[in-house]
PDB file of N, CA and C in Angstrom:
ATOM      1  N   GLU A   1       4.589 -16.796  13.514  1.00  0.00           N
ATOM      2  CA  GLU A   1       4.563 -15.356  13.409  1.00  0.00           C
ATOM      3  C   GLU A   1       5.234 -14.899  12.112  1.00  0.00           C
ATOM      4  N   LYS A   2       6.370 -15.540  11.770  1.00  0.00           N
ATOM      5  CA  LYS A   2       7.074 -15.165  10.535  1.00  0.00           C
ATOM      6  C   LYS A   2       6.200 -15.392   9.303  1.00  0.00           C
ATOM      7  N   ARG A   3       5.490 -16.536   9.278  1.00  0.00           N
ATOM      8  CA  ARG A   3       4.595 -16.813   8.143  1.00  0.00           C
ATOM      9  C   ARG A   3       3.470 -15.788   8.065  1.00  0.00           C
ATOM     10  N   ASN A   4       2.913 -15.419   9.200  1.00  0.00           N
ATOM     11  CA  ASN A   4       1.832 -14.435   9.212  1.00  0.00           C
ATOM     12  C   ASN A   4       2.317 -13.082   8.713  1.00  0.00           C
ATOM     13  N   ILE A   5       3.507 -12.709   9.089  1.00  0.00           N
ATOM     14  CA  ILE A   5       4.087 -11.444   8.619  1.00  0.00           C
ATOM     15  C   ILE A   5       4.341 -11.508   7.114  1.00  0.00           C
ATOM     16  N   GLN A   6       4.826 -12.637   6.624  1.00  0.00           N
ATOM     17  CA  GLN A   6       5.055 -12.791   5.183  1.00  0.00           C
ATOM     18  C   GLN A   6       3.747 -12.674   4.400  1.00  0.00           C
ATOM     19  N   LYS A   7       2.706 -13.324   4.893  1.00  0.00           N
ATOM     20  CA  LYS A   7       1.408 -13.268   4.221  1.00  0.00           C
ATOM     21  C   LYS A   7       0.880 -11.834   4.190  1.00  0.00           C
ATOM     22  N   ALA A   8       0.941 -11.172   5.330  1.00  0.00           N
ATOM     23  CA  ALA A   8       0.447  -9.797   5.402  1.00  0.00           C
ATOM     24  C   ALA A   8       1.267  -8.871   4.509  1.00  0.00           C
ATOM     25  N   ASN A   9       2.587  -9.012   4.544  1.00  0.00           N
ATOM     26  CA  ASN A   9       3.442  -8.154   3.712  1.00  0.00           C
ATOM     27  C   ASN A   9       3.144  -8.339   2.230  1.00  0.00           C
ATOM     28  N   LEU A  10       2.920  -9.564   1.813  1.00  0.00           N
ATOM     29  CA  LEU A  10       2.604  -9.836   0.416  1.00  0.00           C
ATOM     30  C   LEU A  10       1.313  -9.139   0.004  1.00  0.00           C
ATOM     31  N   LEU A  11       0.284  -9.263   0.808  1.00  0.00           N
ATOM     32  CA  LEU A  11      -0.990  -8.648   0.452  1.00  0.00           C
ATOM     33  C   LEU A  11      -0.921  -7.125   0.537  1.00  0.00           C
ATOM     34  N   TYR A  12      -0.340  -6.586   1.589  1.00  0.00           N
ATOM     35  CA  TYR A  12      -0.251  -5.129   1.720  1.00  0.00           C
ATOM     36  C   TYR A  12       0.610  -4.512   0.621  1.00  0.00           C
ATOM     37  N   LYS A  13       1.657  -5.198   0.205  1.00  0.00           N
ATOM     38  CA  LYS A  13       2.482  -4.691  -0.895  1.00  0.00           C
ATOM     39  C   LYS A  13       1.630  -4.539  -2.153  1.00  0.00           C
ATOM     40  N   THR A  14       0.776  -5.514  -2.400  1.00  0.00           N
ATOM     41  CA  THR A  14      -0.103  -5.459  -3.568  1.00  0.00           C
ATOM     42  C   THR A  14      -1.130  -4.343  -3.425  1.00  0.00           C
ATOM     43  N   ILE A  15      -1.737  -4.230  -2.260  1.00  0.00           N
ATOM     44  CA  ILE A  15      -2.716  -3.158  -2.033  1.00  0.00           C
ATOM     45  C   ILE A  15      -2.069  -1.804  -2.248  1.00  0.00           C
ATOM     46  N   ASP A  16      -0.861  -1.621  -1.748  1.00  0.00           N
ATOM     47  CA  ASP A  16      -0.178  -0.327  -1.841  1.00  0.00           C
ATOM     48  C   ASP A  16       0.332  -0.018  -3.243  1.00  0.00           C
ATOM     49  N   SER A  17       0.651  -1.037  -4.033  1.00  0.00           N
ATOM     50  CA  SER A  17       1.242  -0.787  -5.356  1.00  0.00           C
ATOM     51  C   SER A  17       0.228  -0.855  -6.488  1.00  0.00           C
ATOM     52  N   ASN A  18      -0.913  -1.463  -6.260  1.00  0.00           N
ATOM     53  CA  ASN A  18      -1.919  -1.606  -7.308  1.00  0.00           C
ATOM     54  C   ASN A  18      -2.863  -0.413  -7.231  1.00  0.00           C
ATOM     55  N   PRO A  19      -2.930   0.419  -8.287  1.00  0.00           N
ATOM     56  CA  PRO A  19      -3.749   1.632  -8.232  1.00  0.00           C
ATOM     57  C   PRO A  19      -5.254   1.379  -8.135  1.00  0.00           C
ATOM     58  N   LEU A  20      -5.678   0.136  -8.305  1.00  0.00           N
ATOM     59  CA  LEU A  20      -7.108  -0.172  -8.205  1.00  0.00           C
ATOM     60  C   LEU A  20      -7.572  -0.329  -6.768  1.00  0.00           C
ATOM     61  N   PHE A  21      -6.622  -0.425  -5.819  1.00  0.00           N
ATOM     62  CA  PHE A  21      -6.970  -0.711  -4.430  1.00  0.00           C
ATOM     63  C   PHE A  21      -6.371   0.308  -3.473  1.00  0.00           C
ATOM     64  N   THR A  22      -7.065   0.504  -2.351  1.00  0.00           N
ATOM     65  CA  THR A  22      -6.590   1.388  -1.296  1.00  0.00           C
ATOM     66  C   THR A  22      -6.801   0.706   0.044  1.00  0.00           C
ATOM     67  N   GLY A  23      -5.779   0.691   0.864  1.00  0.00           N
ATOM     68  CA  GLY A  23      -5.917   0.165   2.218  1.00  0.00           C
ATOM     69  C   GLY A  23      -6.729   1.118   3.068  1.00  0.00           C
ATOM     70  N   THR A  24      -7.404   0.589   4.075  1.00  0.00           N
ATOM     71  CA  THR A  24      -8.262   1.425   4.912  1.00  0.00           C
ATOM     72  C   THR A  24      -7.654   1.722   6.283  1.00  0.00           C
ATOM     73  N   VAL A  25      -6.473   1.181   6.540  1.00  0.00           N
ATOM     74  CA  VAL A  25      -5.824   1.357   7.844  1.00  0.00           C
ATOM     75  C   VAL A  25      -4.436   1.943   7.622  1.00  0.00           C
ATOM     76  N   LYS A  26      -4.046   2.880   8.483  1.00  0.00           N
ATOM     77  CA  LYS A  26      -2.691   3.432   8.401  1.00  0.00           C
ATOM     78  C   LYS A  26      -1.668   2.310   8.483  1.00  0.00           C
ATOM     79  N   LYS A  27      -0.568   2.477   7.766  1.00  0.00           N
ATOM     80  CA  LYS A  27       0.449   1.428   7.713  1.00  0.00           C
ATOM     81  C   LYS A  27       0.906   0.984   9.102  1.00  0.00           C
ATOM     82  N   GLU A  28       1.077   1.915  10.000  1.00  0.00           N
ATOM     83  CA  GLU A  28       1.576   1.549  11.330  1.00  0.00           C
ATOM     84  C   GLU A  28       0.536   0.818  12.190  1.00  0.00           C
ATOM     85  N   ASP A  29      -0.722   0.827  11.760  1.00  0.00           N
ATOM     86  CA  ASP A  29      -1.784   0.186  12.534  1.00  0.00           C
ATOM     87  C   ASP A  29      -2.321  -1.089  11.885  1.00  0.00           C
ATOM     88  N   ARG A  30      -1.725  -1.531  10.812  1.00  0.00           N
ATOM     89  CA  ARG A  30      -2.232  -2.682  10.071  1.00  0.00           C
ATOM     90  C   ARG A  30      -2.098  -3.989  10.843  1.00  0.00           C
ATOM     91  N   SER A  31      -3.077  -4.847  10.638  1.00  0.00           N
ATOM     92  CA  SER A  31      -3.115  -6.157  11.262  1.00  0.00           C
ATOM     93  C   SER A  31      -2.453  -7.192  10.360  1.00  0.00           C
ATOM     94  N   THR A  32      -1.791  -8.162  10.956  1.00  0.00           N
ATOM     95  CA  THR A  32      -1.258  -9.271  10.164  1.00  0.00           C
ATOM     96  C   THR A  32      -2.324 -10.336   9.944  1.00  0.00           C
ATOM     97  N   MET A  33      -3.440 -10.233  10.622  1.00  0.00           N
ATOM     98  CA  MET A  33      -4.504 -11.234  10.502  1.00  0.00           C
ATOM     99  C   MET A  33      -5.631 -10.812   9.575  1.00  0.00           C
ATOM    100  N   ASN A  34      -5.984  -9.535   9.570  1.00  0.00           N
ATOM    101  CA  ASN A  34      -7.104  -9.046   8.761  1.00  0.00           C
ATOM    102  C   ASN A  34      -6.692  -7.788   8.021  1.00  0.00           C
ATOM    103  N   ALA A  35      -6.692  -7.872   6.703  1.00  0.00           N
ATOM    104  CA  ALA A  35      -6.356  -6.724   5.866  1.00  0.00           C
ATOM    105  C   ALA A  35      -7.646  -6.191   5.255  1.00  0.00           C
ATOM    106  N   THR A  36      -7.922  -4.921   5.484  1.00  0.00           N
ATOM    107  CA  THR A  36      -9.104  -4.305   4.895  1.00  0.00           C
ATOM    108  C   THR A  36      -8.666  -3.356   3.787  1.00  0.00           C
ATOM    109  N   PHE A  37      -9.440  -3.371   2.705  1.00  0.00           N
ATOM    110  CA  PHE A  37      -9.090  -2.535   1.562  1.00  0.00           C
ATOM    111  C   PHE A  37     -10.328  -2.240   0.725  1.00  0.00           C
ATOM    112  N   LEU A  38     -10.204  -1.212  -0.110  1.00  0.00           N
ATOM    113  CA  LEU A  38     -11.282  -0.777  -0.983  1.00  0.00           C
ATOM    114  C   LEU A  38     -10.873  -0.944  -2.434  1.00  0.00           C
ATOM    115  N   LEU A  39     -11.840  -1.178  -3.284  1.00  0.00           N
ATOM    116  CA  LEU A  39     -11.650  -1.158  -4.727  1.00  0.00           C
ATOM    117  C   LEU A  39     -11.986   0.257  -5.170  1.00  0.00           C
ATOM    118  N   ASN A  40     -11.060   0.946  -5.811  1.00  0.00           N
ATOM    119  CA  ASN A  40     -11.233   2.355  -6.132  1.00  0.00           C
ATOM    120  C   ASN A  40     -12.238   2.628  -7.251  1.00  0.00           C
ATOM    121  N   ASP A  41     -12.421   1.705  -8.156  1.00  0.00           N
ATOM    122  CA  ASP A  41     -13.342   1.880  -9.283  1.00  0.00           C
ATOM    123  C   ASP A  41     -14.498   0.890  -9.127  1.00  0.00           C
ATOM    124  N   LEU A  42     -15.614   1.372  -8.655  1.00  0.00           N
ATOM    125  CA  LEU A  42     -16.746   0.488  -8.377  1.00  0.00           C
ATOM    126  C   LEU A  42     -17.310  -0.172  -9.631  1.00  0.00           C
ATOM    127  N   LYS A  43     -16.964   0.342 -10.809  1.00  0.00           N
ATOM    128  CA  LYS A  43     -17.395  -0.312 -12.053  1.00  0.00           C
ATOM    129  C   LYS A  43     -16.727  -1.680 -12.211  1.00  0.00           C
ATOM    130  N   LEU A  44     -15.620  -1.894 -11.515  1.00  0.00           N
ATOM    131  CA  LEU A  44     -14.903  -3.170 -11.582  1.00  0.00           C
ATOM    132  C   LEU A  44     -15.331  -4.150 -10.493  1.00  0.00           C
ATOM    133  N   GLU A  45     -16.247  -3.734  -9.643  1.00  0.00           N
ATOM    134  CA  GLU A  45     -16.627  -4.549  -8.492  1.00  0.00           C
ATOM    135  C   GLU A  45     -17.189  -5.918  -8.884  1.00  0.00           C
ATOM    136  N   ASP A  46     -18.119  -5.963  -9.829  1.00  0.00           N
ATOM    137  CA  ASP A  46     -18.694  -7.246 -10.235  1.00  0.00           C
ATOM    138  C   ASP A  46     -17.627  -8.173 -10.808  1.00  0.00           C
ATOM    139  N   LYS A  47     -16.728  -7.612 -11.610  1.00  0.00           N
ATOM    140  CA  LYS A  47     -15.657  -8.408 -12.213  1.00  0.00           C
ATOM    141  C   LYS A  47     -14.725  -8.956 -11.132  1.00  0.00           C
ATOM    142  N   PHE A  48     -14.302  -8.098 -10.202  1.00  0.00           N
ATOM    143  CA  PHE A  48     -13.407  -8.523  -9.131  1.00  0.00           C
ATOM    144  C   PHE A  48     -14.077  -9.585  -8.259  1.00  0.00           C
ATOM    145  N   ASN A  49     -15.338  -9.345  -7.875  1.00  0.00           N
ATOM    146  CA  ASN A  49     -16.059 -10.307  -7.044  1.00  0.00           C
ATOM    147  C   ASN A  49     -16.170 -11.657  -7.743  1.00  0.00           C
ATOM    148  N   SER A  50     -16.437 -11.646  -9.016  1.00  0.00           N
ATOM    149  CA  SER A  50     -16.538 -12.884  -9.778  1.00  0.00           C
ATOM    150  C   SER A  50     -15.198 -13.611  -9.820  1.00  0.00           C
ATOM    151  N   MET A  51     -14.116 -12.862  -9.991  1.00  0.00           N
ATOM    152  CA  MET A  51     -12.789 -13.459 -10.088  1.00  0.00           C
ATOM    153  C   MET A  51     -12.403 -14.176  -8.803  1.00  0.00           C
ATOM    154  N   TRP A  52     -12.594 -13.523  -7.652  1.00  0.00           N
ATOM    155  CA  TRP A  52     -12.157 -14.177  -6.417  1.00  0.00           C
ATOM    156  C   TRP A  52     -13.078 -15.321  -6.032  1.00  0.00           C
ATOM    157  N   LYS A  53     -14.364 -15.186  -6.329  1.00  0.00           N
ATOM    158  CA  LYS A  53     -15.285 -16.295  -6.027  1.00  0.00           C
ATOM    159  C   LYS A  53     -14.977 -17.506  -6.903  1.00  0.00           C
ATOM    160  N   THR A  54     -14.697 -17.265  -8.186  1.00  0.00           N
ATOM    161  CA  THR A  54     -14.375 -18.339  -9.117  1.00  0.00           C
ATOM    162  C   THR A  54     -13.116 -19.093  -8.684  1.00  0.00           C
ATOM    163  N   ASN A  55     -12.220 -18.396  -8.004  1.00  0.00           N
ATOM    164  CA  ASN A  55     -10.964 -19.008  -7.558  1.00  0.00           C
ATOM    165  C   ASN A  55     -11.046 -19.570  -6.143  1.00  0.00           C
ATOM    166  N   GLY A  56     -12.254 -19.741  -5.630  1.00  0.00           N
ATOM    167  CA  GLY A  56     -12.443 -20.418  -4.361  1.00  0.00           C
ATOM    168  C   GLY A  56     -12.223 -19.587  -3.112  1.00  0.00           C
ATOM    169  N   ILE A  57     -12.198 -18.280  -3.258  1.00  0.00           N
ATOM    170  CA  ILE A  57     -12.038 -17.413  -2.089  1.00  0.00           C
ATOM    171  C   ILE A  57     -13.431 -17.107  -1.541  1.00  0.00           C
ATOM    172  N   ASN A  58     -13.576 -17.213  -0.230  1.00  0.00           N
ATOM    173  CA  ASN A  58     -14.858 -16.968   0.431  1.00  0.00           C
ATOM    174  C   ASN A  58     -14.731 -15.865   1.468  1.00  0.00           C
ATOM    175  N   GLY A  59     -15.816 -15.138   1.683  1.00  0.00           N
ATOM    176  CA  GLY A  59     -15.881 -14.193   2.788  1.00  0.00           C
ATOM    177  C   GLY A  59     -15.036 -12.954   2.637  1.00  0.00           C
ATOM    178  N   LEU A  60     -14.682 -12.588   1.434  1.00  0.00           N
ATOM    179  CA  LEU A  60     -13.820 -11.419   1.224  1.00  0.00           C
ATOM    180  C   LEU A  60     -14.616 -10.111   1.220  1.00  0.00           C
ATOM    181  N   LYS A  61     -15.826 -10.154   0.755  1.00  0.00           N
ATOM    182  CA  LYS A  61     -16.629  -8.945   0.551  1.00  0.00           C
ATOM    183  C   LYS A  61     -17.263  -8.438   1.834  1.00  0.00           C
ATOM    184  N   GLY A  62     -17.226  -7.115   1.985  1.00  0.00           N
ATOM    185  CA  GLY A  62     -18.062  -6.440   2.940  1.00  0.00           C
ATOM    186  C   GLY A  62     -17.634  -6.416   4.385  1.00  0.00           C
ATOM    187  N   HIS A  63     -16.566  -5.730   4.694  1.00  0.00           N
ATOM    188  CA  HIS A  63     -16.221  -5.523   6.102  1.00  0.00           C
ATOM    189  C   HIS A  63     -17.329  -4.703   6.741  1.00  0.00           C
ATOM    190  N   ARG A  64     -17.770  -5.104   7.923  1.00  0.00           N
ATOM    191  CA  ARG A  64     -18.971  -4.508   8.525  1.00  0.00           C
ATOM    192  C   ARG A  64     -18.848  -3.032   8.867  1.00  0.00           C
ATOM    193  N   SER A  65     -17.647  -2.528   9.153  1.00  0.00           N
ATOM    194  CA  SER A  65     -17.556  -1.118   9.532  1.00  0.00           C
ATOM    195  C   SER A  65     -16.950  -0.220   8.463  1.00  0.00           C
ATOM    196  N   VAL A  66     -16.133  -0.750   7.568  1.00  0.00           N
ATOM    197  CA  VAL A  66     -15.506   0.110   6.557  1.00  0.00           C
ATOM    198  C   VAL A  66     -15.963  -0.213   5.141  1.00  0.00           C
ATOM    199  N   GLY A  67     -16.771  -1.266   4.972  1.00  0.00           N
ATOM    200  CA  GLY A  67     -17.182  -1.657   3.624  1.00  0.00           C
ATOM    201  C   GLY A  67     -16.013  -2.283   2.899  1.00  0.00           C
ATOM    202  N   GLY A  68     -16.059  -2.279   1.608  1.00  0.00           N
ATOM    203  CA  GLY A  68     -14.964  -2.809   0.818  1.00  0.00           C
ATOM    204  C   GLY A  68     -14.737  -4.286   1.061  1.00  0.00           C
ATOM    205  N   TYR A  69     -13.507  -4.640   1.368  1.00  0.00           N
ATOM    206  CA  TYR A  69     -13.103  -6.039   1.482  1.00  0.00           C
ATOM    207  C   TYR A  69     -12.280  -6.262   2.744  1.00  0.00           C
ATOM    208  N   ARG A  70     -12.345  -7.482   3.241  1.00  0.00           N
ATOM    209  CA  ARG A  70     -11.493  -7.885   4.360  1.00  0.00           C
ATOM    210  C   ARG A  70     -10.957  -9.275   4.074  1.00  0.00           C
ATOM    211  N   ALA A  71      -9.639  -9.362   3.987  1.00  0.00           N
ATOM    212  CA  ALA A  71      -8.975 -10.652   3.789  1.00  0.00           C
ATOM    213  C   ALA A  71      -8.475 -11.129   5.144  1.00  0.00           C
ATOM    214  N   SER A  72      -9.019 -12.229   5.611  1.00  0.00           N
ATOM    215  CA  SER A  72      -8.586 -12.809   6.878  1.00  0.00           C
ATOM    216  C   SER A  72      -7.492 -13.833   6.602  1.00  0.00           C
ATOM    217  N   MET A  73      -6.347 -13.649   7.251  1.00  0.00           N
ATOM    218  CA  MET A  73      -5.177 -14.496   7.018  1.00  0.00           C
ATOM    219  C   MET A  73      -4.752 -15.164   8.310  1.00  0.00           C
ATOM    220  N   TYR A  74      -5.629 -15.976   8.841  1.00  0.00           N
ATOM    221  CA  TYR A  74      -5.354 -16.617  10.118  1.00  0.00           C
ATOM    222  C   TYR A  74      -4.238 -17.646   9.988  1.00  0.00           C
ATOM    223  N   ASN A  75      -3.784 -18.158  11.110  1.00  0.00           N
ATOM    224  CA  ASN A  75      -2.604 -19.021  11.165  1.00  0.00           C
ATOM    225  C   ASN A  75      -2.650 -20.189  10.188  1.00  0.00           C
ATOM    226  N   ALA A  76      -3.786 -20.828  10.042  1.00  0.00           N
ATOM    227  CA  ALA A  76      -3.875 -22.028   9.203  1.00  0.00           C
ATOM    228  C   ALA A  76      -3.834 -21.715   7.705  1.00  0.00           C
ATOM    229  N   MET A  77      -4.030 -20.471   7.330  1.00  0.00           N
ATOM    230  CA  MET A  77      -4.020 -20.121   5.909  1.00  0.00           C
ATOM    231  C   MET A  77      -2.587 -20.127   5.378  1.00  0.00           C
ATOM    232  N   SER A  78      -2.427 -20.730   4.221  1.00  0.00           N
ATOM    233  CA  SER A  78      -1.096 -20.810   3.610  1.00  0.00           C
ATOM    234  C   SER A  78      -0.782 -19.539   2.826  1.00  0.00           C
ATOM    235  N   ILE A  79       0.495 -19.317   2.611  1.00  0.00           N
ATOM    236  CA  ILE A  79       0.904 -18.173   1.799  1.00  0.00           C
ATOM    237  C   ILE A  79       0.430 -18.357   0.356  1.00  0.00           C
ATOM    238  N   GLU A  80       0.291 -19.596  -0.080  1.00  0.00           N
ATOM    239  CA  GLU A  80      -0.206 -19.866  -1.434  1.00  0.00           C
ATOM    240  C   GLU A  80      -1.626 -19.336  -1.608  1.00  0.00           C
ATOM    241  N   SER A  81      -2.431 -19.401  -0.574  1.00  0.00           N
ATOM    242  CA  SER A  81      -3.792 -18.866  -0.638  1.00  0.00           C
ATOM    243  C   SER A  81      -3.775 -17.353  -0.796  1.00  0.00           C
ATOM    244  N   VAL A  82      -2.868 -16.687  -0.102  1.00  0.00           N
ATOM    245  CA  VAL A  82      -2.737 -15.236  -0.241  1.00  0.00           C
ATOM    246  C   VAL A  82      -2.256 -14.901  -1.653  1.00  0.00           C
ATOM    247  N   LYS A  83      -1.360 -15.723  -2.204  1.00  0.00           N
ATOM    248  CA  LYS A  83      -0.865 -15.505  -3.565  1.00  0.00           C
ATOM    249  C   LYS A  83      -1.993 -15.592  -4.585  1.00  0.00           C
ATOM    250  N   VAL A  84      -2.984 -16.442  -4.344  1.00  0.00           N
ATOM    251  CA  VAL A  84      -4.130 -16.528  -5.252  1.00  0.00           C
ATOM    252  C   VAL A  84      -4.837 -15.173  -5.301  1.00  0.00           C
ATOM    253  N   LEU A  85      -5.090 -14.570  -4.150  1.00  0.00           N
ATOM    254  CA  LEU A  85      -5.742 -13.257  -4.112  1.00  0.00           C
ATOM    255  C   LEU A  85      -4.875 -12.193  -4.770  1.00  0.00           C
ATOM    256  N   VAL A  86      -3.604 -12.195  -4.472  1.00  0.00           N
ATOM    257  CA  VAL A  86      -2.678 -11.217  -5.064  1.00  0.00           C
ATOM    258  C   VAL A  86      -2.667 -11.363  -6.590  1.00  0.00           C
ATOM    259  N   ASP A  87      -2.628 -12.584  -7.087  1.00  0.00           N
ATOM    260  CA  ASP A  87      -2.646 -12.807  -8.536  1.00  0.00           C
ATOM    261  C   ASP A  87      -3.933 -12.274  -9.157  1.00  0.00           C
ATOM    262  N   ILE A  88      -5.053 -12.464  -8.482  1.00  0.00           N
ATOM    263  CA  ILE A  88      -6.337 -11.954  -8.982  1.00  0.00           C
ATOM    264  C   ILE A  88      -6.319 -10.433  -9.020  1.00  0.00           C
ATOM    265  N   MET A  89      -5.803  -9.819  -7.985  1.00  0.00           N
ATOM    266  CA  MET A  89      -5.731  -8.355  -7.936  1.00  0.00           C
ATOM    267  C   MET A  89      -4.847  -7.818  -9.068  1.00  0.00           C
ATOM    268  N   ASN A  90      -3.735  -8.489  -9.321  1.00  0.00           N
ATOM    269  CA  ASN A  90      -2.839  -8.062 -10.400  1.00  0.00           C
ATOM    270  C   ASN A  90      -3.460  -8.308 -11.772  1.00  0.00           C
ATOM    271  N   GLU A  91      -4.178  -9.410 -11.917  1.00  0.00           N
ATOM    272  CA  GLU A  91      -4.861  -9.703 -13.180  1.00  0.00           C
ATOM    273  C   GLU A  91      -5.943  -8.661 -13.460  1.00  0.00           C
ATOM    274  N   LEU A  92      -6.667  -8.261 -12.430  1.00  0.00           N
ATOM    275  CA  LEU A  92      -7.685  -7.227 -12.593  1.00  0.00           C
ATOM    276  C   LEU A  92      -7.058  -5.923 -13.073  1.00  0.00           C
ATOM    277  N   GLU A  93      -5.910  -5.583 -12.521  1.00  0.00           N
ATOM    278  CA  GLU A  93      -5.220  -4.363 -12.938  1.00  0.00           C
ATOM    279  C   GLU A  93      -4.860  -4.423 -14.425  1.00  0.00           C
ATOM    280  N   LYS A  94      -4.404  -5.575 -14.899  1.00  0.00           N
ATOM    281  CA  LYS A  94      -4.033  -5.730 -16.304  1.00  0.00           C
ATOM    282  C   LYS A  94      -5.247  -5.605 -17.222  1.00  0.00           C
ATOM    283  N   LYS A  95      -6.405  -6.072 -16.747  1.00  0.00           N
ATOM    284  CA  LYS A  95      -7.622  -6.054 -17.563  1.00  0.00           C
ATOM    285  C   LYS A  95      -8.346  -4.710 -17.532  1.00  0.00           C
ATOM    286  N   ALA A  96      -8.046  -3.895 -16.515  1.00  0.00           N
ATOM    287  CA  ALA A  96      -8.770  -2.623 -16.337  1.00  0.00           C
ATOM    288  C   ALA A  96      -8.369  -1.579 -17.355  1.00  0.00           C
TER     289      ALA A  96
END
């Protein structure tokens, strides 16, 4: 449980602090397993999609009910994997 909370906190901190992204769920209702978020500038969508795919991330695009992205952080996923996504999000911000 502690690892799952750490993973979720790391990703949500990035979503909340990076102006390119917006979370789709109120803070008090957020899941530690699935984080949904939107990219605010759709002109960056192809670049962002290419970045995460190139870094071996799968299944991030297209949450079925809210669109945007859904990062699934199930028990077996390491915090290092979440850091890869966070680094990509921060790199995109620097390039934008």
